[in-house]
Amino acid sequence: GMRILLGLGVLVLVGVVGCSTPSPPGAVGPGGAATPGSAPKQTLASEQRRLAELFRGTPVVVEMQREGSLRIQVPLEFAFDKGRAVVKPPLAKVLDLVARSQRAEPTRLAVSAPTDPQSKAAQLATERANSTRDYLVARGLVPTRFTVTAMTSGDSVVLVITEPPAP
């Protein structure tokens, strides 16, 4: 009797799938609006709107770049104390939100951090960039997704999120 039940189940499934398309065939072109190429851009753009809204009225800048990447800038004074490479709470808040939204995405992240003004200590910039990356890695982002850059000048920690290259 089991085989008959399975057969019925398959028939019912086929029927449901067949009926679930009320729109006339061809209403959506081949590939439709859901072409894989256009989907990630959508997510970064909506991520930009979400973060920009959350950080409205703060010095954090969240903007889409011309090539479609998402750039997040946190002024140095809110990111690290002078001479230190420990992530401060305002930067941590930004990173927490990014980690939560990007954990399941296939995006790449570029982290760059500056040394202190009037300082040429590239080592400090490197420690800060690594510290920013490590903070995100501790929250579930895989280390291989990152590129890390130390800046000898600049006044902000910058995080750039990009789509993975198309296969």
N, C-alpha and C. Protein backbone atom coordinates (compact mmCIF):
# COMPACT_ATOMS: atom_id res chain seq x y z
N GLY A 1 0.83 -1.21 0.00
CA GLY A 1 0.00 0.00 0.00
C GLY A 1 0.87 1.26 0.00
N MET A 2 2.12 1.15 0.44
CA MET A 2 3.00 2.31 0.54
C MET A 2 3.26 2.95 -0.83
N ARG A 3 3.44 2.08 -1.84
CA ARG A 3 3.78 2.62 -3.17
C ARG A 3 2.64 3.49 -3.71
N ILE A 4 1.43 3.10 -3.47
CA ILE A 4 0.28 3.87 -3.95
C ILE A 4 0.26 5.24 -3.27
N LEU A 5 0.51 5.26 -1.97
CA LEU A 5 0.53 6.53 -1.24
C LEU A 5 1.59 7.46 -1.82
N LEU A 6 2.79 6.93 -2.06
CA LEU A 6 3.86 7.75 -2.64
C LEU A 6 3.44 8.30 -3.99
N GLY A 7 2.85 7.44 -4.80
CA GLY A 7 2.39 7.87 -6.13
C GLY A 7 1.41 9.02 -6.01
N LEU A 8 0.47 8.91 -5.08
CA LEU A 8 -0.52 9.97 -4.87
C LEU A 8 0.18 11.27 -4.46
N GLY A 9 1.15 11.16 -3.54
CA GLY A 9 1.87 12.33 -3.08
C GLY A 9 2.53 13.07 -4.23
N VAL A 10 3.14 12.31 -5.12
CA VAL A 10 3.81 12.93 -6.27
C VAL A 10 2.79 13.63 -7.17
N LEU A 11 1.65 12.96 -7.41
CA LEU A 11 0.60 13.57 -8.24
C LEU A 11 0.12 14.89 -7.64
N VAL A 12 -0.11 14.88 -6.33
CA VAL A 12 -0.59 16.08 -5.66
C VAL A 12 0.43 17.22 -5.80
N LEU A 13 1.71 16.90 -5.59
CA LEU A 13 2.76 17.91 -5.72
C LEU A 13 2.78 18.51 -7.12
N VAL A 14 2.73 17.63 -8.11
CA VAL A 14 2.78 18.11 -9.50
C VAL A 14 1.59 19.03 -9.76
N GLY A 15 0.42 18.63 -9.25
CA GLY A 15 -0.78 19.45 -9.43
C GLY A 15 -0.61 20.81 -8.81
N VAL A 16 -0.11 20.89 -7.59
CA VAL A 16 0.05 22.17 -6.89
C VAL A 16 1.02 23.07 -7.65
N VAL A 17 2.15 22.49 -8.05
CA VAL A 17 3.15 23.29 -8.76
C VAL A 17 2.56 23.81 -10.07
N GLY A 18 1.79 22.95 -10.75
CA GLY A 18 1.19 23.36 -12.03
C GLY A 18 0.24 24.52 -11.85
N CYS A 19 -0.49 24.56 -10.74
CA CYS A 19 -1.52 25.59 -10.54
C CYS A 19 -0.97 26.88 -9.96
N SER A 20 0.26 26.83 -9.42
CA SER A 20 0.74 27.98 -8.66
C SER A 20 1.23 29.11 -9.56
N THR A 21 0.98 29.02 -10.88
CA THR A 21 1.44 30.10 -11.76
C THR A 21 0.24 30.71 -12.47
N PRO A 22 -0.48 31.61 -11.76
CA PRO A 22 -1.64 32.23 -12.38
C PRO A 22 -1.27 33.18 -13.51
N SER A 23 -0.07 33.75 -13.48
CA SER A 23 0.31 34.68 -14.55
C SER A 23 0.49 33.90 -15.85
N PRO A 24 0.10 34.50 -16.97
CA PRO A 24 0.24 33.76 -18.24
C PRO A 24 1.69 33.46 -18.52
N PRO A 25 1.97 32.33 -19.12
CA PRO A 25 3.38 32.02 -19.42
C PRO A 25 3.98 33.12 -20.27
N GLY A 26 5.23 33.43 -20.00
CA GLY A 26 5.89 34.47 -20.79
C GLY A 26 5.69 35.86 -20.21
N ALA A 27 4.94 35.99 -19.11
CA ALA A 27 4.75 37.31 -18.50
C ALA A 27 6.09 37.82 -17.98
N VAL A 28 6.90 36.90 -17.46
CA VAL A 28 8.25 37.26 -17.02
C VAL A 28 9.20 36.66 -18.04
N GLY A 29 10.07 37.48 -18.59
CA GLY A 29 10.98 36.98 -19.64
C GLY A 29 11.89 35.90 -19.09
N PRO A 30 12.68 35.27 -19.94
CA PRO A 30 13.59 34.23 -19.45
C PRO A 30 14.55 34.83 -18.42
N GLY A 31 14.66 34.20 -17.30
CA GLY A 31 15.53 34.76 -16.26
C GLY A 31 14.79 35.77 -15.41
N GLY A 32 13.80 36.42 -15.98
CA GLY A 32 12.94 37.33 -15.24
C GLY A 32 13.70 38.39 -14.49
N ALA A 33 13.10 38.88 -13.42
CA ALA A 33 13.73 39.91 -12.62
C ALA A 33 14.76 39.29 -11.70
N ALA A 34 14.71 37.97 -11.59
CA ALA A 34 15.56 37.30 -10.61
C ALA A 34 16.85 36.77 -11.21
N THR A 35 17.39 37.47 -12.19
CA THR A 35 18.67 37.00 -12.72
C THR A 35 19.71 37.11 -11.61
N PRO A 36 20.57 36.10 -11.46
CA PRO A 36 21.52 36.08 -10.35
C PRO A 36 22.35 37.36 -10.29
N GLY A 37 22.68 37.93 -11.44
CA GLY A 37 23.54 39.11 -11.46
C GLY A 37 22.92 40.31 -10.77
N SER A 38 21.60 40.45 -10.85
CA SER A 38 20.97 41.65 -10.31
C SER A 38 20.63 41.51 -8.84
N ALA A 39 20.58 40.28 -8.34
CA ALA A 39 20.15 40.10 -6.96
C ALA A 39 21.11 40.70 -5.92
N PRO A 40 22.42 40.41 -5.98
CA PRO A 40 23.31 40.93 -4.93
C PRO A 40 23.34 42.46 -4.89
N LYS A 41 23.34 43.12 -6.06
CA LYS A 41 23.34 44.58 -6.10
C LYS A 41 22.18 45.09 -5.27
N GLN A 42 21.04 44.46 -5.43
CA GLN A 42 19.85 44.80 -4.66
C GLN A 42 20.16 44.73 -3.17
N THR A 43 20.81 43.65 -2.73
CA THR A 43 21.05 43.49 -1.31
C THR A 43 21.99 44.56 -0.79
N LEU A 44 23.05 44.89 -1.53
CA LEU A 44 23.97 45.93 -1.04
C LEU A 44 23.27 47.28 -1.02
N ALA A 45 22.44 47.55 -2.02
CA ALA A 45 21.72 48.82 -2.05
C ALA A 45 20.74 48.91 -0.88
N SER A 46 20.06 47.81 -0.59
CA SER A 46 19.12 47.86 0.53
C SER A 46 19.87 47.90 1.86
N GLU A 47 21.03 47.25 1.90
CA GLU A 47 21.88 47.32 3.09
C GLU A 47 22.33 48.77 3.31
N GLN A 48 22.67 49.46 2.22
CA GLN A 48 23.09 50.86 2.32
C GLN A 48 21.96 51.71 2.92
N ARG A 49 20.74 51.50 2.41
CA ARG A 49 19.61 52.28 2.92
C ARG A 49 19.37 51.98 4.40
N ARG A 50 19.45 50.71 4.76
CA ARG A 50 19.20 50.30 6.15
C ARG A 50 20.24 50.93 7.09
N LEU A 51 21.53 50.80 6.73
CA LEU A 51 22.58 51.33 7.59
C LEU A 51 22.57 52.85 7.63
N ALA A 52 22.33 53.48 6.48
CA ALA A 52 22.30 54.95 6.43
C ALA A 52 21.21 55.46 7.37
N GLU A 53 20.07 54.76 7.37
CA GLU A 53 18.97 55.13 8.25
C GLU A 53 19.38 54.96 9.72
N LEU A 54 20.02 53.82 10.04
CA LEU A 54 20.42 53.55 11.42
C LEU A 54 21.44 54.57 11.93
N PHE A 55 22.32 55.05 11.04
CA PHE A 55 23.38 55.96 11.48
C PHE A 55 23.11 57.41 11.11
N ARG A 56 21.85 57.69 10.71
CA ARG A 56 21.47 59.08 10.42
C ARG A 56 21.78 59.94 11.65
N GLY A 57 22.37 61.11 11.42
CA GLY A 57 22.66 62.00 12.54
C GLY A 57 23.96 61.67 13.26
N THR A 58 24.67 60.63 12.80
CA THR A 58 25.98 60.30 13.38
C THR A 58 27.04 60.62 12.33
N PRO A 59 28.30 60.60 12.73
CA PRO A 59 29.37 60.89 11.75
C PRO A 59 29.69 59.70 10.84
N VAL A 60 28.98 58.58 11.01
CA VAL A 60 29.24 57.41 10.16
C VAL A 60 28.65 57.66 8.77
N VAL A 61 29.45 57.46 7.73
CA VAL A 61 29.01 57.66 6.36
C VAL A 61 28.83 56.30 5.69
N VAL A 62 27.65 56.09 5.11
CA VAL A 62 27.36 54.82 4.43
C VAL A 62 26.89 55.16 3.03
N GLU A 63 27.69 54.84 2.02
CA GLU A 63 27.29 55.22 0.66
C GLU A 63 27.66 54.18 -0.38
N MET A 64 26.83 54.10 -1.43
CA MET A 64 27.12 53.21 -2.54
C MET A 64 28.18 53.87 -3.42
N GLN A 65 29.12 53.07 -3.91
CA GLN A 65 30.14 53.57 -4.82
C GLN A 65 29.66 53.37 -6.25
N ARG A 66 30.26 54.08 -7.18
CA ARG A 66 29.83 54.01 -8.58
C ARG A 66 29.87 52.58 -9.11
N GLU A 67 30.87 51.79 -8.68
CA GLU A 67 30.99 50.44 -9.24
C GLU A 67 30.11 49.42 -8.51
N GLY A 68 29.26 49.91 -7.59
CA GLY A 68 28.30 49.01 -6.96
C GLY A 68 28.70 48.47 -5.60
N SER A 69 29.86 48.90 -5.10
CA SER A 69 30.24 48.44 -3.76
C SER A 69 29.64 49.38 -2.71
N LEU A 70 29.63 48.91 -1.47
CA LEU A 70 29.09 49.69 -0.37
C LEU A 70 30.25 50.13 0.51
N ARG A 71 30.35 51.44 0.74
CA ARG A 71 31.47 52.00 1.50
C ARG A 71 30.98 52.57 2.82
N ILE A 72 31.59 52.13 3.92
CA ILE A 72 31.21 52.59 5.25
C ILE A 72 32.43 53.24 5.88
N GLN A 73 32.25 54.49 6.33
CA GLN A 73 33.37 55.26 6.90
C GLN A 73 33.07 55.62 8.34
N VAL A 74 33.96 55.27 9.24
CA VAL A 74 33.80 55.63 10.65
C VAL A 74 34.98 56.51 11.03
N PRO A 75 34.72 57.77 11.44
CA PRO A 75 35.82 58.67 11.79
C PRO A 75 36.72 58.03 12.87
N LEU A 76 38.01 58.24 12.72
CA LEU A 76 39.01 57.61 13.59
C LEU A 76 38.70 57.79 15.08
N GLU A 77 38.26 59.00 15.47
CA GLU A 77 38.02 59.26 16.90
C GLU A 77 36.94 58.35 17.48
N PHE A 78 36.04 57.83 16.63
CA PHE A 78 34.98 56.92 17.09
C PHE A 78 35.37 55.46 16.92
N ALA A 79 36.53 55.24 16.31
CA ALA A 79 36.94 53.88 15.99
C ALA A 79 38.03 53.37 16.95
N PHE A 80 39.02 54.23 17.21
CA PHE A 80 40.16 53.83 18.06
C PHE A 80 40.63 55.00 18.89
N ASP A 81 41.11 54.72 20.09
CA ASP A 81 41.75 55.76 20.90
C ASP A 81 43.17 55.98 20.38
N LYS A 82 43.69 57.17 20.65
CA LYS A 82 45.04 57.51 20.20
C LYS A 82 46.05 56.45 20.67
N GLY A 83 46.85 55.96 19.73
CA GLY A 83 47.89 54.99 20.05
C GLY A 83 47.38 53.58 20.32
N ARG A 84 46.06 53.35 20.21
CA ARG A 84 45.49 52.04 20.53
C ARG A 84 44.91 51.37 19.29
N ALA A 85 44.77 50.04 19.36
CA ALA A 85 44.17 49.30 18.24
C ALA A 85 42.97 48.48 18.72
N VAL A 86 42.39 48.89 19.86
CA VAL A 86 41.21 48.20 20.38
C VAL A 86 39.96 48.89 19.82
N VAL A 87 39.07 48.10 19.20
CA VAL A 87 37.84 48.64 18.61
C VAL A 87 37.00 49.34 19.69
N LYS A 88 36.65 50.62 19.45
CA LYS A 88 35.81 51.36 20.39
C LYS A 88 34.32 51.06 20.14
N PRO A 89 33.46 51.31 21.15
CA PRO A 89 32.04 50.96 21.01
C PRO A 89 31.33 51.49 19.76
N PRO A 90 31.55 52.76 19.33
CA PRO A 90 30.82 53.19 18.13
C PRO A 90 31.19 52.36 16.89
N LEU A 91 32.47 52.07 16.70
CA LEU A 91 32.89 51.22 15.58
C LEU A 91 32.33 49.82 15.78
N ALA A 92 32.36 49.33 17.01
CA ALA A 92 31.83 47.99 17.30
C ALA A 92 30.37 47.88 16.88
N LYS A 93 29.59 48.93 17.11
CA LYS A 93 28.17 48.92 16.75
C LYS A 93 28.02 48.76 15.24
N VAL A 94 28.82 49.50 14.49
CA VAL A 94 28.79 49.40 13.03
C VAL A 94 29.16 47.97 12.61
N LEU A 95 30.25 47.46 13.18
CA LEU A 95 30.74 46.13 12.80
C LEU A 95 29.74 45.04 13.17
N ASP A 96 29.07 45.19 14.32
CA ASP A 96 28.06 44.20 14.72
C ASP A 96 26.95 44.11 13.67
N LEU A 97 26.49 45.27 13.21
CA LEU A 97 25.41 45.29 12.22
C LEU A 97 25.87 44.70 10.89
N VAL A 98 27.09 45.04 10.48
CA VAL A 98 27.63 44.51 9.23
C VAL A 98 27.78 42.99 9.34
N ALA A 99 28.32 42.53 10.47
CA ALA A 99 28.53 41.09 10.64
C ALA A 99 27.20 40.34 10.55
N ARG A 100 26.18 40.89 11.20
CA ARG A 100 24.88 40.22 11.21
C ARG A 100 24.32 40.10 9.81
N SER A 101 24.40 41.18 9.01
CA SER A 101 23.78 41.15 7.69
C SER A 101 24.64 40.42 6.66
N GLN A 102 25.96 40.42 6.84
CA GLN A 102 26.83 39.85 5.80
C GLN A 102 27.23 38.41 6.08
N ARG A 103 26.92 37.89 7.25
CA ARG A 103 27.36 36.54 7.61
C ARG A 103 26.96 35.52 6.55
N ALA A 104 25.72 35.62 6.05
CA ALA A 104 25.21 34.63 5.10
C ALA A 104 25.41 35.05 3.64
N GLU A 105 25.97 36.24 3.42
CA GLU A 105 26.17 36.73 2.05
C GLU A 105 27.54 36.30 1.53
N PRO A 106 27.67 36.22 0.19
CA PRO A 106 28.98 35.82 -0.37
C PRO A 106 29.90 37.01 -0.63
N THR A 107 29.64 38.13 0.02
CA THR A 107 30.38 39.36 -0.27
C THR A 107 31.84 39.29 0.19
N ARG A 108 32.65 40.22 -0.37
CA ARG A 108 34.04 40.41 0.05
C ARG A 108 34.12 41.71 0.82
N LEU A 109 35.04 41.78 1.77
CA LEU A 109 35.16 43.00 2.58
C LEU A 109 36.59 43.50 2.59
N ALA A 110 36.74 44.78 2.30
CA ALA A 110 38.07 45.40 2.35
C ALA A 110 38.07 46.35 3.54
N VAL A 111 39.03 46.15 4.44
CA VAL A 111 39.14 46.97 5.64
C VAL A 111 40.39 47.82 5.53
N SER A 112 40.26 49.13 5.72
CA SER A 112 41.47 49.94 5.81
C SER A 112 41.36 50.84 7.02
N ALA A 113 42.48 50.99 7.72
CA ALA A 113 42.51 51.79 8.93
C ALA A 113 43.75 52.67 8.91
N PRO A 114 43.61 53.90 9.40
CA PRO A 114 44.75 54.82 9.41
C PRO A 114 45.53 54.75 10.72
N THR A 115 46.74 55.24 10.69
CA THR A 115 47.50 55.45 11.91
C THR A 115 47.02 56.78 12.51
N ASP A 116 47.60 57.22 13.60
CA ASP A 116 47.19 58.50 14.19
C ASP A 116 47.71 59.66 13.35
N PRO A 117 46.98 60.80 13.36
CA PRO A 117 47.47 61.99 12.66
C PRO A 117 48.86 62.36 13.21
N GLN A 118 49.70 62.94 12.40
CA GLN A 118 51.06 63.33 12.80
C GLN A 118 51.91 62.12 13.21
N SER A 119 51.45 60.92 12.90
CA SER A 119 52.25 59.74 13.22
C SER A 119 52.50 59.00 11.92
N LYS A 120 53.68 58.44 11.78
CA LYS A 120 53.94 57.67 10.55
C LYS A 120 54.04 56.19 10.92
N ALA A 121 53.48 55.82 12.08
CA ALA A 121 53.57 54.44 12.56
C ALA A 121 52.64 53.53 11.77
N ALA A 122 53.16 53.01 10.68
CA ALA A 122 52.36 52.10 9.86
C ALA A 122 51.93 50.88 10.67
N GLN A 123 52.75 50.51 11.65
CA GLN A 123 52.45 49.34 12.47
C GLN A 123 51.10 49.51 13.19
N LEU A 124 50.84 50.70 13.68
CA LEU A 124 49.58 50.96 14.38
C LEU A 124 48.40 50.82 13.41
N ALA A 125 48.58 51.34 12.19
CA ALA A 125 47.52 51.24 11.18
C ALA A 125 47.24 49.77 10.87
N THR A 126 48.31 48.98 10.75
CA THR A 126 48.16 47.56 10.48
C THR A 126 47.41 46.87 11.61
N GLU A 127 47.79 47.18 12.84
CA GLU A 127 47.12 46.57 14.00
C GLU A 127 45.64 46.95 14.03
N ARG A 128 45.33 48.19 13.69
CA ARG A 128 43.93 48.64 13.69
C ARG A 128 43.12 47.93 12.60
N ALA A 129 43.70 47.82 11.42
CA ALA A 129 42.98 47.15 10.33
C ALA A 129 42.75 45.68 10.69
N ASN A 130 43.78 45.04 11.23
CA ASN A 130 43.65 43.63 11.64
C ASN A 130 42.64 43.48 12.77
N SER A 131 42.65 44.42 13.70
CA SER A 131 41.74 44.40 14.83
C SER A 131 40.28 44.51 14.34
N THR A 132 40.06 45.37 13.35
CA THR A 132 38.72 45.53 12.76
C THR A 132 38.29 44.23 12.09
N ARG A 133 39.20 43.64 11.32
CA ARG A 133 38.89 42.37 10.66
C ARG A 133 38.62 41.28 11.70
N ASP A 134 39.49 41.19 12.72
CA ASP A 134 39.34 40.14 13.73
C ASP A 134 38.01 40.26 14.46
N TYR A 135 37.57 41.50 14.67
CA TYR A 135 36.28 41.72 15.33
C TYR A 135 35.16 41.08 14.50
N LEU A 136 35.22 41.28 13.17
CA LEU A 136 34.19 40.71 12.28
C LEU A 136 34.32 39.19 12.19
N VAL A 137 35.56 38.70 12.17
CA VAL A 137 35.78 37.25 12.11
C VAL A 137 35.21 36.59 13.37
N ALA A 138 35.40 37.24 14.52
CA ALA A 138 34.87 36.71 15.78
C ALA A 138 33.35 36.64 15.76
N ARG A 139 32.73 37.41 14.85
CA ARG A 139 31.28 37.40 14.75
C ARG A 139 30.79 36.62 13.53
N GLY A 140 31.63 35.71 13.06
CA GLY A 140 31.14 34.74 12.08
C GLY A 140 31.51 34.97 10.63
N LEU A 141 32.31 36.01 10.33
CA LEU A 141 32.73 36.20 8.93
C LEU A 141 34.06 35.47 8.71
N VAL A 142 34.15 34.77 7.60
CA VAL A 142 35.33 33.96 7.31
C VAL A 142 36.53 34.85 6.95
N PRO A 143 37.71 34.58 7.52
CA PRO A 143 38.90 35.43 7.27
C PRO A 143 39.25 35.57 5.80
N THR A 144 39.01 34.55 4.99
CA THR A 144 39.40 34.61 3.58
C THR A 144 38.59 35.63 2.79
N ARG A 145 37.53 36.17 3.36
CA ARG A 145 36.71 37.16 2.65
C ARG A 145 37.31 38.56 2.72
N PHE A 146 38.40 38.73 3.52
CA PHE A 146 38.91 40.07 3.78
C PHE A 146 40.19 40.42 3.04
N THR A 147 40.30 41.69 2.67
CA THR A 147 41.61 42.26 2.38
C THR A 147 41.78 43.38 3.40
N VAL A 148 43.01 43.56 3.87
CA VAL A 148 43.28 44.50 4.95
C VAL A 148 44.38 45.45 4.50
N THR A 149 44.14 46.75 4.69
CA THR A 149 45.10 47.76 4.26
C THR A 149 45.40 48.73 5.40
N ALA A 150 46.68 48.98 5.64
CA ALA A 150 47.09 49.99 6.61
C ALA A 150 47.30 51.29 5.84
N MET A 151 46.78 52.40 6.38
CA MET A 151 46.95 53.70 5.72
C MET A 151 47.82 54.59 6.57
N THR A 152 48.83 55.21 5.96
CA THR A 152 49.69 56.10 6.74
C THR A 152 49.02 57.46 6.90
N SER A 153 47.98 57.73 6.12
CA SER A 153 47.23 58.98 6.33
C SER A 153 45.75 58.63 6.20
N GLY A 154 44.91 59.57 6.61
CA GLY A 154 43.47 59.32 6.57
C GLY A 154 42.90 59.54 7.94
N ASP A 155 41.58 59.82 8.00
CA ASP A 155 40.97 60.14 9.29
C ASP A 155 39.80 59.23 9.60
N SER A 156 39.67 58.13 8.84
CA SER A 156 38.54 57.23 9.05
C SER A 156 38.94 55.78 8.85
N VAL A 157 38.23 54.90 9.56
CA VAL A 157 38.31 53.48 9.26
C VAL A 157 37.29 53.26 8.14
N VAL A 158 37.70 52.59 7.09
CA VAL A 158 36.82 52.39 5.94
C VAL A 158 36.61 50.91 5.69
N LEU A 159 35.34 50.55 5.51
CA LEU A 159 34.97 49.17 5.20
C LEU A 159 34.27 49.21 3.84
N VAL A 160 34.77 48.47 2.87
CA VAL A 160 34.13 48.43 1.56
C VAL A 160 33.63 47.00 1.33
N ILE A 161 32.33 46.87 1.08
CA ILE A 161 31.73 45.56 0.85
C ILE A 161 31.42 45.44 -0.64
N THR A 162 31.92 44.39 -1.27
CA THR A 162 31.70 44.20 -2.70
C THR A 162 31.11 42.82 -2.98
N GLU A 163 30.46 42.74 -4.16
CA GLU A 163 29.96 41.45 -4.63
C GLU A 163 31.14 40.55 -4.91
N PRO A 164 30.93 39.24 -4.81
CA PRO A 164 31.98 38.34 -5.30
C PRO A 164 32.03 38.45 -6.82
N PRO A 165 33.19 38.21 -7.42
CA PRO A 165 33.24 38.24 -8.88
C PRO A 165 32.30 37.19 -9.45
N ALA A 166 31.62 37.50 -10.54
CA ALA A 166 30.70 36.53 -11.15
C ALA A 166 31.49 35.29 -11.56
N PRO A 167 30.88 34.11 -11.36
CA PRO A 167 31.60 32.87 -11.70
C PRO A 167 31.85 32.77 -13.20
